[in-house]
Amino acid sequence: MTSQPPLGRAAPAPRPGRAPRFPLRITLVALLMGLVVIALTATGIAATSLLKRYVVEQQDRQLVSTLARYQDQPWVGEACEGGSPWPRGGGPQYSTFYVACLSSSGRIADLAVPLEAETGRVTFSGRNAEVVWAGIGRPVTMRSDEGRLWRLLSEDVGNRNTVVVASDIEADGQIIGQLVRIQMVVGLVVLTVLGAAAYVLVRNSLRPLTEVERTAAAIAAGDLSQRVPAGDDRTEVGRLATALNGMLSRIEYGFRAQQASEEQARASETRMRRFVADASHELRTPLTSIRGFAELYRQGAVGSPEETARLMQRIESEGARMGVLVEDLLQLARLDQQRPLTITPVDLAEVAGDAVHDARALQPDRPLTLHLDESLSEVPVVLGDEARLRQVLGNLVTNALVHTPPTAPVTVTVSDEPAAGDGPADGDDGGVVVLRVADEGPGMAPEDAARVFERFYRADPSRARTAGGTGLGLAIVSALVAAHRGTVHLDTAPGRGAVFTVRLPRSGPGSAVPPVPDGPAA
């Protein structure tokens, strides 16, 4: 059974017979060293060959001139025929050359001997002797019986006599050999120094590629924030680093965006599930009550007309409660769809006064106050949907009435703020109108205040709703304020009441309604 590659990864194509590759720096240095070896070898061979050729040519010219000089001497013929080999009866002639004459009778006469010759004669035997005395007329190189290397030139000088001129080139060969050895030593030194310098240079030049490798490994491990160190853009490696960093930035941005989108989708799904669960819970209670009352009536458990009327009243009350809940849900759905608002100039002082008046009608004994701040230099008019803005203030005031004791004071304040920033609630022309609904109730814990604008959120973990309401009032407030490009904020703490602050730009939401934020109110 063959193993399968993991899902999402293609199996690497097999590469049969492929030799393992060396690191790039080793390959480059080895290639450079090979080229240098070839260059040094070629240079050494050429230099040695040229020097050897030059030395041989010099020797040949000297051999020719020396042979010509002896050919012109009259005593040479006499020496070859058996006379004295030394001119004018003198002693032996010493020279840098060995000169000898072979007569027709086979007699050898030494005409000149080199100072270095120990015996005064240079001897050749065998085939070498045949070549030496053949009178070939061109220089040849051969080794003597004494083991030294000679350059020779022989010529027939008449009467079947042959004159041979030989030059000892053993020293020249040693010099050339020493030159070859020097070239080898110098070449090794040059190779060593050049190899070390090339390795350091290549290593430094390829160091950015090593950083690229380390960065790629870190990114493969999951760290998308890694970047390749920037290099000189005039070099290929520097331009590669710049291109890679740009690509990595785009990859990180895309990955972060995808990650944020996935997290947002998961959060939205979680909120939707909770919303459905909360809506089901809220609808189940009145439906259960209505069904229970209907079951009692069907079974005849209600006898008197008074009990029947009371039962019908309870059914009607639960139906009305369910209707209010459905209306709130429909309103939130319409806000989520970003339906256009009916934009008109709205006097928020008038809206706040009507909200306080309605609250006094509900709770006459409640201390309710409307305060118009001294910062108002003109009528606090904003461009918005009047019905929706009245609902915002109505929900905030109702929330204060429901969740505070009957004797707790509630104050509604209208003030003005100049435009001083770039936030969503900053007016484009005329600043911001601020609405505050403050109560002196029990307040809320910070963890509850952070989620108070969520749909169906309640601080009571038992999920009991003894104070009535649908649990959507503050969520509707947040959505409506956002639709008007405003903000709503809660400032509260246990034991010191709660202050809801709404900031609305005088310029209104504009021609396009911004999307409802997918935050706590979603």
Protein backbone atom coordinates (compact mmCIF):
# COMPACT_ATOMS: atom_id res chain seq x y z
CA MET A 1 0.00 0.00 0.00
CA THR A 2 1.51 3.30 -1.09
CA SER A 3 1.30 6.39 1.06
CA GLN A 4 -0.65 9.39 -0.22
CA PRO A 5 0.49 13.00 0.04
CA PRO A 6 -1.43 15.24 2.49
CA LEU A 7 -4.49 17.04 1.18
CA GLY A 8 -3.75 20.48 -0.29
CA ARG A 9 -0.16 19.60 -1.16
CA ALA A 10 1.03 18.27 -4.49
CA ALA A 11 3.36 15.29 -4.37
CA PRO A 12 6.86 16.30 -5.51
CA ALA A 13 7.85 14.95 -8.89
CA PRO A 14 10.53 12.24 -8.65
CA ARG A 15 13.98 13.14 -9.90
CA PRO A 16 15.77 9.86 -10.58
CA GLY A 17 19.53 9.85 -10.76
CA ARG A 18 19.97 13.47 -9.78
CA ALA A 19 23.17 14.10 -7.86
CA PRO A 20 22.97 16.07 -4.61
CA ARG A 21 23.65 19.74 -5.12
CA PHE A 22 26.29 21.69 -3.27
CA PRO A 23 25.59 25.06 -1.65
CA LEU A 24 25.66 27.94 -4.09
CA ARG A 25 28.63 29.62 -2.42
CA ILE A 26 30.70 26.42 -2.70
CA THR A 27 29.69 25.98 -6.34
CA LEU A 28 30.63 29.56 -7.21
CA VAL A 29 33.98 29.41 -5.40
CA ALA A 30 34.80 26.03 -6.97
CA LEU A 31 33.92 27.35 -10.42
CA LEU A 32 36.08 30.42 -9.87
CA MET A 33 38.98 28.32 -8.59
CA GLY A 34 38.70 26.00 -11.57
CA LEU A 35 38.86 28.93 -13.96
CA VAL A 36 41.87 30.35 -12.09
CA VAL A 37 43.65 26.97 -12.20
CA ILE A 38 43.06 26.78 -15.94
CA ALA A 39 44.28 30.35 -16.39
CA LEU A 40 47.39 29.84 -14.23
CA THR A 41 48.21 26.55 -15.93
CA ALA A 42 47.82 28.02 -19.39
CA THR A 43 49.86 31.06 -18.41
CA GLY A 44 52.60 28.91 -16.88
CA ILE A 45 52.78 26.60 -19.87
CA ALA A 46 52.87 29.52 -22.27
CA ALA A 47 55.53 31.38 -20.27
CA THR A 48 57.69 28.28 -19.86
CA SER A 49 57.37 27.37 -23.52
CA LEU A 50 58.24 30.88 -24.64
CA LEU A 51 61.23 31.04 -22.29
CA LYS A 52 62.45 27.62 -23.37
CA ARG A 53 62.06 28.58 -27.01
CA TYR A 54 63.92 31.82 -26.43
CA VAL A 55 66.79 30.05 -24.66
CA VAL A 56 67.04 27.44 -27.40
CA GLU A 57 67.01 30.09 -30.12
CA GLN A 58 69.78 31.99 -28.32
CA GLN A 59 71.81 28.79 -28.02
CA ASP A 60 71.24 27.94 -31.66
CA ARG A 61 72.43 31.38 -32.81
CA GLN A 62 75.54 31.04 -30.68
CA LEU A 63 76.14 27.53 -32.04
CA VAL A 64 75.86 28.75 -35.61
CA SER A 65 78.19 31.71 -35.02
CA THR A 66 80.72 29.56 -33.16
CA LEU A 67 80.68 26.89 -35.86
CA ALA A 68 81.20 29.52 -38.54
CA ARG A 69 84.13 30.95 -36.61
CA TYR A 70 85.88 27.59 -36.40
CA GLN A 71 85.16 26.78 -40.04
CA ASP A 72 87.13 29.85 -41.07
CA GLN A 73 90.25 28.86 -39.08
CA PRO A 74 92.99 27.19 -41.23
CA TRP A 75 94.35 25.16 -38.34
CA VAL A 76 91.04 23.36 -37.92
CA GLY A 77 91.69 21.30 -41.06
CA GLU A 78 95.18 20.44 -39.82
CA ALA A 79 93.80 19.40 -36.45
CA CYS A 80 91.24 17.18 -38.13
CA GLU A 81 94.01 15.52 -40.28
CA GLY A 82 96.17 14.74 -37.26
CA GLY A 83 97.99 17.94 -36.55
CA SER A 84 98.01 19.77 -33.29
CA PRO A 85 94.45 20.45 -32.16
CA TRP A 86 95.58 23.73 -30.61
CA PRO A 87 96.49 26.69 -32.73
CA ARG A 88 100.11 27.84 -32.84
CA GLY A 89 101.09 24.92 -30.64
CA GLY A 90 99.51 26.51 -27.62
CA GLY A 91 97.60 24.85 -24.79
CA PRO A 92 93.95 23.79 -24.88
CA GLN A 93 91.41 26.39 -25.81
CA TYR A 94 88.76 26.89 -23.13
CA SER A 95 85.33 28.08 -24.07
CA THR A 96 81.71 27.89 -23.03
CA PHE A 97 81.29 25.44 -25.91
CA TYR A 98 82.70 22.04 -26.65
CA VAL A 99 84.19 21.94 -30.16
CA ALA A 100 85.55 18.78 -31.75
CA CYS A 101 86.50 17.54 -35.20
CA LEU A 102 86.04 14.06 -36.67
CA SER A 103 88.42 13.20 -39.51
CA SER A 104 87.73 10.86 -42.38
CA SER A 105 89.84 8.24 -40.64
CA GLY A 106 87.65 8.40 -37.54
CA ARG A 107 90.03 10.37 -35.40
CA ILE A 108 88.45 12.84 -32.94
CA ALA A 109 90.32 16.03 -32.14
CA ASP A 110 89.14 18.35 -29.34
CA LEU A 111 89.36 21.92 -30.53
CA ALA A 112 87.82 23.62 -27.47
CA VAL A 113 86.61 22.32 -24.16
CA PRO A 114 84.34 23.96 -21.57
CA LEU A 115 85.81 25.03 -18.30
CA GLU A 116 83.34 22.87 -16.44
CA ALA A 117 84.33 19.66 -18.24
CA GLU A 118 86.18 17.40 -15.83
CA THR A 119 87.87 15.19 -18.43
CA GLY A 120 88.18 17.81 -21.14
CA ARG A 121 86.06 15.76 -23.51
CA VAL A 122 82.36 15.22 -24.00
CA THR A 123 81.56 11.73 -25.21
CA PHE A 124 78.57 10.33 -26.99
CA SER A 125 77.98 6.69 -27.79
CA GLY A 126 75.55 4.52 -29.66
CA ARG A 127 72.91 6.25 -31.72
CA ASN A 128 73.80 9.57 -30.16
CA ALA A 129 77.30 9.33 -31.64
CA GLU A 130 75.88 8.56 -35.07
CA VAL A 131 73.68 11.65 -34.86
CA VAL A 132 76.49 13.86 -33.57
CA TRP A 133 78.95 13.05 -36.34
CA ALA A 134 76.42 12.83 -39.14
CA GLY A 135 76.91 16.47 -40.07
CA ILE A 136 73.17 17.10 -40.22
CA GLY A 137 73.48 20.88 -40.36
CA ARG A 138 70.73 21.67 -37.83
CA PRO A 139 70.81 21.88 -34.00
CA VAL A 140 69.70 18.89 -31.94
CA THR A 141 69.37 18.25 -28.22
CA MET A 142 70.68 15.07 -26.59
CA ARG A 143 72.24 13.77 -23.41
CA SER A 144 75.96 12.89 -23.20
CA ASP A 145 77.46 9.81 -21.66
CA GLU A 146 78.24 11.95 -18.60
CA GLY A 147 74.48 12.52 -18.14
CA ARG A 148 74.35 16.18 -19.04
CA LEU A 149 72.05 17.79 -21.60
CA TRP A 150 73.66 19.36 -24.66
CA ARG A 151 72.61 21.33 -27.68
CA LEU A 152 74.68 20.33 -30.72
CA LEU A 153 75.31 21.49 -34.27
CA SER A 154 77.47 19.46 -36.69
CA GLU A 155 78.61 20.43 -40.18
CA ASP A 156 80.75 18.84 -42.89
CA VAL A 157 83.74 21.15 -43.45
CA GLY A 158 85.27 19.35 -46.43
CA ASN A 159 87.63 16.45 -46.93
CA ARG A 160 85.05 14.32 -45.19
CA ASN A 161 85.83 16.11 -41.95
CA THR A 162 83.02 17.03 -39.54
CA VAL A 163 83.11 19.81 -36.93
CA VAL A 164 80.74 19.59 -33.95
CA VAL A 165 79.86 22.50 -31.66
CA ALA A 166 77.99 21.64 -28.43
CA SER A 167 76.62 23.89 -25.70
CA ASP A 168 75.80 22.63 -22.23
CA ILE A 169 72.14 23.49 -21.57
CA GLU A 170 71.81 21.51 -18.36
CA ALA A 171 71.82 24.76 -16.37
CA ASP A 172 69.19 26.23 -18.65
CA GLY A 173 66.99 23.20 -18.05
CA GLN A 174 67.50 23.57 -14.32
CA ILE A 175 66.56 27.25 -14.53
CA ILE A 176 63.42 26.40 -16.47
CA GLY A 177 62.60 23.64 -13.99
CA GLN A 178 63.11 26.07 -11.11
CA LEU A 179 60.83 28.53 -12.91
CA VAL A 180 58.16 25.83 -13.17
CA ARG A 181 58.48 25.08 -9.46
CA ILE A 182 58.25 28.79 -8.63
CA GLN A 183 55.17 29.07 -10.82
CA MET A 184 53.58 26.14 -9.00
CA VAL A 185 54.31 27.61 -5.57
CA VAL A 186 53.12 31.05 -6.60
CA GLY A 187 50.05 29.48 -8.20
CA LEU A 188 49.20 27.62 -5.00
CA VAL A 189 49.62 30.80 -2.97
CA VAL A 190 47.47 32.74 -5.43
CA LEU A 191 44.84 29.99 -5.38
CA THR A 192 44.79 29.96 -1.59
CA VAL A 193 44.52 33.73 -1.22
CA LEU A 194 42.07 34.08 -4.09
CA GLY A 195 39.97 31.16 -2.82
CA ALA A 196 39.72 32.65 0.67
CA ALA A 197 38.93 36.11 -0.71
CA ALA A 198 36.38 34.67 -3.14
CA TYR A 199 34.69 32.67 -0.38
CA VAL A 200 34.41 35.73 1.86
CA LEU A 201 33.17 37.89 -1.02
CA VAL A 202 30.62 35.32 -2.20
CA ARG A 203 29.46 34.67 1.36
CA ASN A 204 28.93 38.38 1.99
CA SER A 205 27.23 38.83 -1.38
CA LEU A 206 24.88 35.90 -0.75
CA ARG A 207 24.19 36.79 2.88
CA PRO A 208 20.90 38.50 1.91
CA LEU A 209 19.85 35.22 0.30
CA THR A 210 20.53 33.50 3.61
CA GLU A 211 18.32 36.11 5.27
CA VAL A 212 15.68 35.37 2.63
CA GLU A 213 15.94 31.68 3.50
CA ARG A 214 15.58 32.36 7.23
CA THR A 215 12.68 34.73 6.60
CA ALA A 216 10.93 32.16 4.42
CA ALA A 217 11.38 29.54 7.14
CA ALA A 218 9.91 31.91 9.76
CA ILE A 219 6.96 32.71 7.48
CA ALA A 220 6.42 29.00 6.85
CA ALA A 221 6.30 28.58 10.63
CA GLY A 222 3.46 31.13 10.77
CA ASP A 223 5.18 34.46 11.49
CA LEU A 224 3.93 36.64 8.63
CA SER A 225 5.42 39.80 10.13
CA GLN A 226 8.96 38.80 9.14
CA ARG A 227 10.67 40.82 6.42
CA VAL A 228 13.88 40.47 4.46
CA PRO A 229 16.54 43.05 5.46
CA ALA A 230 16.55 45.80 2.86
CA GLY A 231 19.61 45.96 0.65
CA ASP A 232 21.06 48.31 -1.93
CA ASP A 233 18.54 48.71 -4.75
CA ARG A 234 21.42 49.01 -7.19
CA THR A 235 22.20 45.31 -6.71
CA GLU A 236 20.20 42.30 -7.85
CA VAL A 237 19.94 40.97 -4.30
CA GLY A 238 18.74 44.37 -3.03
CA ARG A 239 16.05 44.56 -5.69
CA LEU A 240 15.06 40.98 -4.88
CA ALA A 241 14.71 41.87 -1.18
CA THR A 242 12.55 44.89 -2.06
CA ALA A 243 10.30 42.80 -4.31
CA LEU A 244 10.01 40.04 -1.70
CA ASN A 245 9.12 42.51 1.05
CA GLY A 246 6.40 43.99 -1.14
CA MET A 247 5.04 40.54 -1.89
CA LEU A 248 5.19 39.54 1.79
CA SER A 249 3.35 42.71 2.81
CA ARG A 250 0.56 41.96 0.36
CA ILE A 251 0.40 38.34 1.51
CA GLU A 252 0.27 39.38 5.16
CA TYR A 253 -2.40 42.00 4.43
CA GLY A 254 -4.48 39.45 2.52
CA PHE A 255 -4.04 36.84 5.22
CA ARG A 256 -4.89 39.30 8.01
CA ALA A 257 -7.92 40.48 6.05
CA GLN A 258 -9.04 36.91 5.49
CA GLN A 259 -8.42 36.10 9.15
CA ALA A 260 -10.37 39.17 10.26
CA SER A 261 -13.17 38.30 7.85
CA GLU A 262 -13.32 34.76 9.19
CA GLU A 263 -13.33 36.01 12.78
CA GLN A 264 -16.02 38.54 11.91
CA ALA A 265 -18.04 35.82 10.20
CA ARG A 266 -17.69 33.56 13.24
CA ALA A 267 -18.65 36.42 15.55
CA SER A 268 -21.63 37.27 13.35
CA GLU A 269 -22.68 33.65 13.32
CA THR A 270 -22.38 33.49 17.10
CA ARG A 271 -24.43 36.66 17.47
CA MET A 272 -27.01 35.37 15.02
CA ARG A 273 -27.35 32.11 16.93
CA ARG A 274 -27.70 33.98 20.19
CA PHE A 275 -30.16 36.38 18.56
CA VAL A 276 -32.29 33.51 17.30
CA ALA A 277 -32.11 31.81 20.70
CA ASP A 278 -33.05 35.01 22.53
CA ALA A 279 -35.85 35.81 20.08
CA SER A 280 -37.18 32.28 20.47
CA HIS A 281 -37.02 32.63 24.23
CA GLU A 282 -38.81 35.98 24.18
CA LEU A 283 -41.54 34.68 21.86
CA ARG A 284 -41.94 31.40 23.69
CA THR A 285 -43.13 33.02 26.92
CA PRO A 286 -46.21 34.86 25.52
CA LEU A 287 -46.99 31.97 23.18
CA THR A 288 -46.89 29.53 26.09
CA SER A 289 -49.16 31.81 28.12
CA ILE A 290 -51.64 32.20 25.26
CA ARG A 291 -51.71 28.46 24.62
CA GLY A 292 -52.16 27.74 28.31
CA PHE A 293 -55.05 30.17 28.63
CA ALA A 294 -56.69 28.74 25.50
CA GLU A 295 -56.29 25.21 26.90
CA LEU A 296 -57.99 26.25 30.13
CA TYR A 297 -60.88 27.77 28.19
CA ARG A 298 -61.22 24.69 25.95
CA GLN A 299 -61.34 22.35 28.94
CA GLY A 300 -64.08 24.44 30.56
CA ALA A 301 -61.99 25.34 33.57
CA VAL A 302 -63.28 28.91 33.33
CA GLY A 303 -66.85 29.12 34.55
CA SER A 304 -67.96 32.66 35.31
CA PRO A 305 -68.10 35.50 32.79
CA GLU A 306 -65.72 37.49 34.99
CA GLU A 307 -63.05 34.76 34.77
CA THR A 308 -63.61 34.47 31.03
CA ALA A 309 -63.13 38.23 30.58
CA ARG A 310 -59.98 38.12 32.71
CA LEU A 311 -58.66 35.20 30.66
CA MET A 312 -59.28 37.03 27.37
CA GLN A 313 -57.56 40.11 28.78
CA ARG A 314 -54.47 38.04 29.62
CA ILE A 315 -54.42 36.56 26.13
CA GLU A 316 -54.73 40.03 24.63
CA SER A 317 -51.90 41.32 26.86
CA GLU A 318 -49.54 38.51 25.88
CA GLY A 319 -50.44 39.01 22.22
CA ALA A 320 -49.68 42.72 22.50
CA ARG A 321 -46.35 41.94 24.16
CA MET A 322 -45.50 39.55 21.34
CA GLY A 323 -46.54 42.18 18.79
CA VAL A 324 -44.22 44.76 20.34
CA LEU A 325 -41.35 42.26 20.20
CA VAL A 326 -42.03 41.46 16.55
CA GLU A 327 -42.19 45.18 15.70
CA ASP A 328 -38.84 45.78 17.39
CA LEU A 329 -37.30 42.88 15.49
CA LEU A 330 -38.67 44.20 12.19
CA GLN A 331 -37.30 47.64 12.95
CA LEU A 332 -33.81 46.24 13.62
CA ALA A 333 -34.02 44.23 10.40
CA ARG A 334 -34.91 47.37 8.45
CA LEU A 335 -31.99 49.22 10.05
CA ASP A 336 -29.65 46.37 9.14
CA GLN A 337 -30.84 46.70 5.53
CA GLN A 338 -29.80 50.39 5.62
CA ARG A 339 -33.08 51.66 4.32
CA PRO A 340 -33.04 55.42 3.64
CA LEU A 341 -34.19 57.75 6.39
CA THR A 342 -36.64 60.61 6.02
CA ILE A 343 -34.28 63.56 6.50
CA THR A 344 -35.71 66.84 7.81
CA PRO A 345 -34.50 69.53 10.23
CA VAL A 346 -35.22 68.31 13.77
CA ASP A 347 -35.21 70.49 16.90
CA LEU A 348 -33.70 68.22 19.56
CA ALA A 349 -34.73 70.57 22.37
CA GLU A 350 -38.35 70.06 21.35
CA VAL A 351 -37.84 66.31 21.03
CA ALA A 352 -36.25 66.17 24.50
CA GLY A 353 -39.08 68.22 25.99
CA ASP A 354 -41.70 65.88 24.51
CA ALA A 355 -39.84 62.84 25.87
CA VAL A 356 -39.78 64.33 29.39
CA HIS A 357 -43.48 65.27 29.10
CA ASP A 358 -44.40 61.70 28.09
CA ALA A 359 -42.36 60.28 30.99
CA ARG A 360 -44.15 62.54 33.49
CA ALA A 361 -47.44 61.25 32.18
CA LEU A 362 -46.30 57.70 32.89
CA GLN A 363 -44.77 58.40 36.32
CA PRO A 364 -46.12 61.66 37.74
CA ASP A 365 -44.25 61.27 41.01
CA ARG A 366 -40.85 60.74 39.36
CA PRO A 367 -38.38 63.68 39.60
CA LEU A 368 -37.84 64.47 35.89
CA THR A 369 -35.79 67.45 34.67
CA LEU A 370 -35.10 68.93 31.23
CA HIS A 371 -31.90 70.99 31.14
CA LEU A 372 -30.86 73.14 28.18
CA ASP A 373 -27.15 73.77 28.60
CA GLU A 374 -25.68 77.27 28.43
CA SER A 375 -23.41 76.11 25.58
CA LEU A 376 -26.40 76.27 23.24
CA SER A 377 -25.76 79.38 21.14
CA GLU A 378 -28.60 78.58 18.77
CA VAL A 379 -31.50 76.18 18.41
CA PRO A 380 -30.13 72.60 18.55
CA VAL A 381 -31.33 71.56 15.11
CA VAL A 382 -29.91 68.54 13.30
CA LEU A 383 -30.73 66.94 9.98
CA GLY A 384 -32.29 63.56 10.65
CA ASP A 385 -35.37 61.35 10.79
CA GLU A 386 -37.58 62.96 13.44
CA ALA A 387 -39.53 59.79 14.23
CA ARG A 388 -36.32 57.79 14.72
CA LEU A 389 -34.72 60.48 16.88
CA ARG A 390 -37.85 60.64 19.06
CA GLN A 391 -37.57 56.86 19.43
CA VAL A 392 -33.93 57.22 20.53
CA LEU A 393 -34.81 59.63 23.35
CA GLY A 394 -37.96 57.69 24.22
CA ASN A 395 -36.06 54.42 24.59
CA LEU A 396 -33.35 56.02 26.74
CA VAL A 397 -35.87 57.71 29.05
CA THR A 398 -37.98 54.55 29.27
CA ASN A 399 -34.86 52.54 30.12
CA ALA A 400 -34.13 54.95 33.00
CA LEU A 401 -37.74 54.72 34.26
CA VAL A 402 -37.82 50.93 34.15
CA HIS A 403 -34.44 50.13 35.71
CA THR A 404 -34.33 52.67 38.55
CA PRO A 405 -36.41 53.07 41.72
CA PRO A 406 -39.56 55.27 41.37
CA THR A 407 -37.95 58.03 43.43
CA ALA A 408 -34.65 58.15 41.50
CA PRO A 409 -34.24 61.49 39.62
CA VAL A 410 -33.82 61.43 35.82
CA THR A 411 -32.30 64.40 33.94
CA VAL A 412 -32.34 65.00 30.18
CA THR A 413 -29.71 67.52 29.01
CA VAL A 414 -29.28 69.12 25.60
CA SER A 415 -25.93 70.80 24.87
CA ASP A 416 -23.75 71.86 21.97
CA GLU A 417 -20.16 70.99 21.02
CA PRO A 418 -18.08 72.55 18.25
CA ALA A 419 -16.58 70.32 15.57
CA ALA A 420 -13.12 69.37 16.84
CA GLY A 421 -12.10 66.10 15.27
CA ASP A 422 -12.48 63.57 12.51
CA GLY A 423 -14.80 61.12 14.26
CA PRO A 424 -18.09 60.01 12.81
CA ALA A 425 -20.06 62.34 15.07
CA ASP A 426 -18.15 65.46 14.12
CA GLY A 427 -20.36 67.85 12.18
CA ASP A 428 -19.21 69.04 8.80
CA ASP A 429 -20.67 72.52 9.38
CA GLY A 430 -21.81 73.57 12.81
CA GLY A 431 -20.55 70.99 15.27
CA VAL A 432 -22.42 68.39 17.30
CA VAL A 433 -25.57 68.38 19.42
CA VAL A 434 -25.23 66.30 22.59
CA LEU A 435 -28.12 64.56 24.38
CA ARG A 436 -27.59 63.14 27.88
CA VAL A 437 -30.02 61.02 29.86
CA ALA A 438 -28.74 60.66 33.43
CA ASP A 439 -30.32 58.78 36.31
CA GLU A 440 -29.37 58.27 39.95
CA GLY A 441 -30.21 54.58 40.03
CA PRO A 442 -28.10 51.60 41.17
CA GLY A 443 -25.76 51.77 38.17
CA MET A 444 -24.16 48.82 36.39
CA ALA A 445 -20.99 46.76 36.59
CA PRO A 446 -18.35 47.44 33.89
CA GLU A 447 -18.81 44.00 32.31
CA ASP A 448 -22.54 44.63 31.95
CA ALA A 449 -22.05 48.19 30.65
CA ALA A 450 -19.76 46.90 27.88
CA ARG A 451 -22.56 44.72 26.48
CA VAL A 452 -25.62 46.81 27.24
CA PHE A 453 -26.20 47.69 23.56
CA GLU A 454 -26.28 44.05 22.46
CA ARG A 455 -29.59 42.61 21.36
CA PHE A 456 -31.48 40.78 24.11
CA TYR A 457 -28.59 41.27 26.52
CA ARG A 458 -29.58 41.41 30.16
CA ALA A 459 -27.44 41.74 33.23
CA ASP A 460 -29.70 39.31 35.13
CA PRO A 461 -28.28 35.80 34.51
CA SER A 462 -31.62 34.20 35.36
CA ARG A 463 -32.99 35.74 32.10
CA ALA A 464 -36.10 36.83 33.98
CA ARG A 465 -37.64 40.05 32.75
CA THR A 466 -39.58 41.31 35.75
CA ALA A 467 -39.45 44.91 34.59
CA GLY A 468 -41.02 44.23 31.20
CA GLY A 469 -39.70 45.31 27.81
CA THR A 470 -38.28 43.27 24.95
CA GLY A 471 -34.55 43.70 25.58
CA LEU A 472 -34.11 45.45 22.21
CA GLY A 473 -34.56 49.10 23.21
CA LEU A 474 -30.88 49.99 23.63
CA ALA A 475 -29.90 47.93 20.58
CA ILE A 476 -32.38 50.00 18.56
CA VAL A 477 -30.90 53.19 20.05
CA SER A 478 -27.39 52.17 18.97
CA ALA A 479 -28.52 51.28 15.44
CA LEU A 480 -30.52 54.49 14.98
CA VAL A 481 -27.70 56.70 16.26
CA ALA A 482 -25.21 54.95 13.95
CA ALA A 483 -27.59 55.50 11.01
CA HIS A 484 -27.40 59.25 11.78
CA ARG A 485 -23.55 59.14 11.87
CA GLY A 486 -23.63 59.64 15.62
CA THR A 487 -22.29 57.86 18.67
CA VAL A 488 -23.82 56.65 21.91
CA HIS A 489 -21.84 56.02 25.08
CA LEU A 490 -22.68 54.76 28.58
CA ASP A 491 -20.89 56.03 31.68
CA THR A 492 -21.85 54.07 34.78
CA ALA A 493 -20.58 52.34 37.87
CA PRO A 494 -22.28 50.39 40.67
CA GLY A 495 -23.99 52.79 43.08
CA ARG A 496 -23.60 56.01 41.06
CA GLY A 497 -26.28 55.79 38.40
CA ALA A 498 -25.94 55.77 34.62
CA VAL A 499 -25.41 58.47 31.99
CA PHE A 500 -26.22 57.77 28.33
CA THR A 501 -24.57 60.33 26.00
CA VAL A 502 -25.66 60.67 22.37
CA ARG A 503 -23.69 62.85 19.95
CA LEU A 504 -25.34 63.77 16.65
CA PRO A 505 -23.81 65.92 13.87
CA ARG A 506 -25.85 68.90 12.81
CA SER A 507 -25.22 67.98 9.17
CA GLY A 508 -27.08 64.71 9.56
CA PRO A 509 -26.33 61.37 7.89
CA GLY A 510 -25.82 62.86 4.42
CA SER A 511 -27.02 61.38 1.18
CA ALA A 512 -25.83 57.87 1.95
CA VAL A 513 -26.66 56.09 5.14
CA PRO A 514 -23.53 54.45 6.57
CA PRO A 515 -23.68 50.76 7.45
CA VAL A 516 -24.77 49.81 10.92
CA PRO A 517 -21.60 48.82 12.79
CA ASP A 518 -21.17 45.12 13.39
CA GLY A 519 -20.34 45.76 17.02
CA PRO A 520 -22.20 45.30 20.28
CA ALA A 521 -25.48 46.34 18.80
CA ALA A 522 -25.38 43.78 16.03
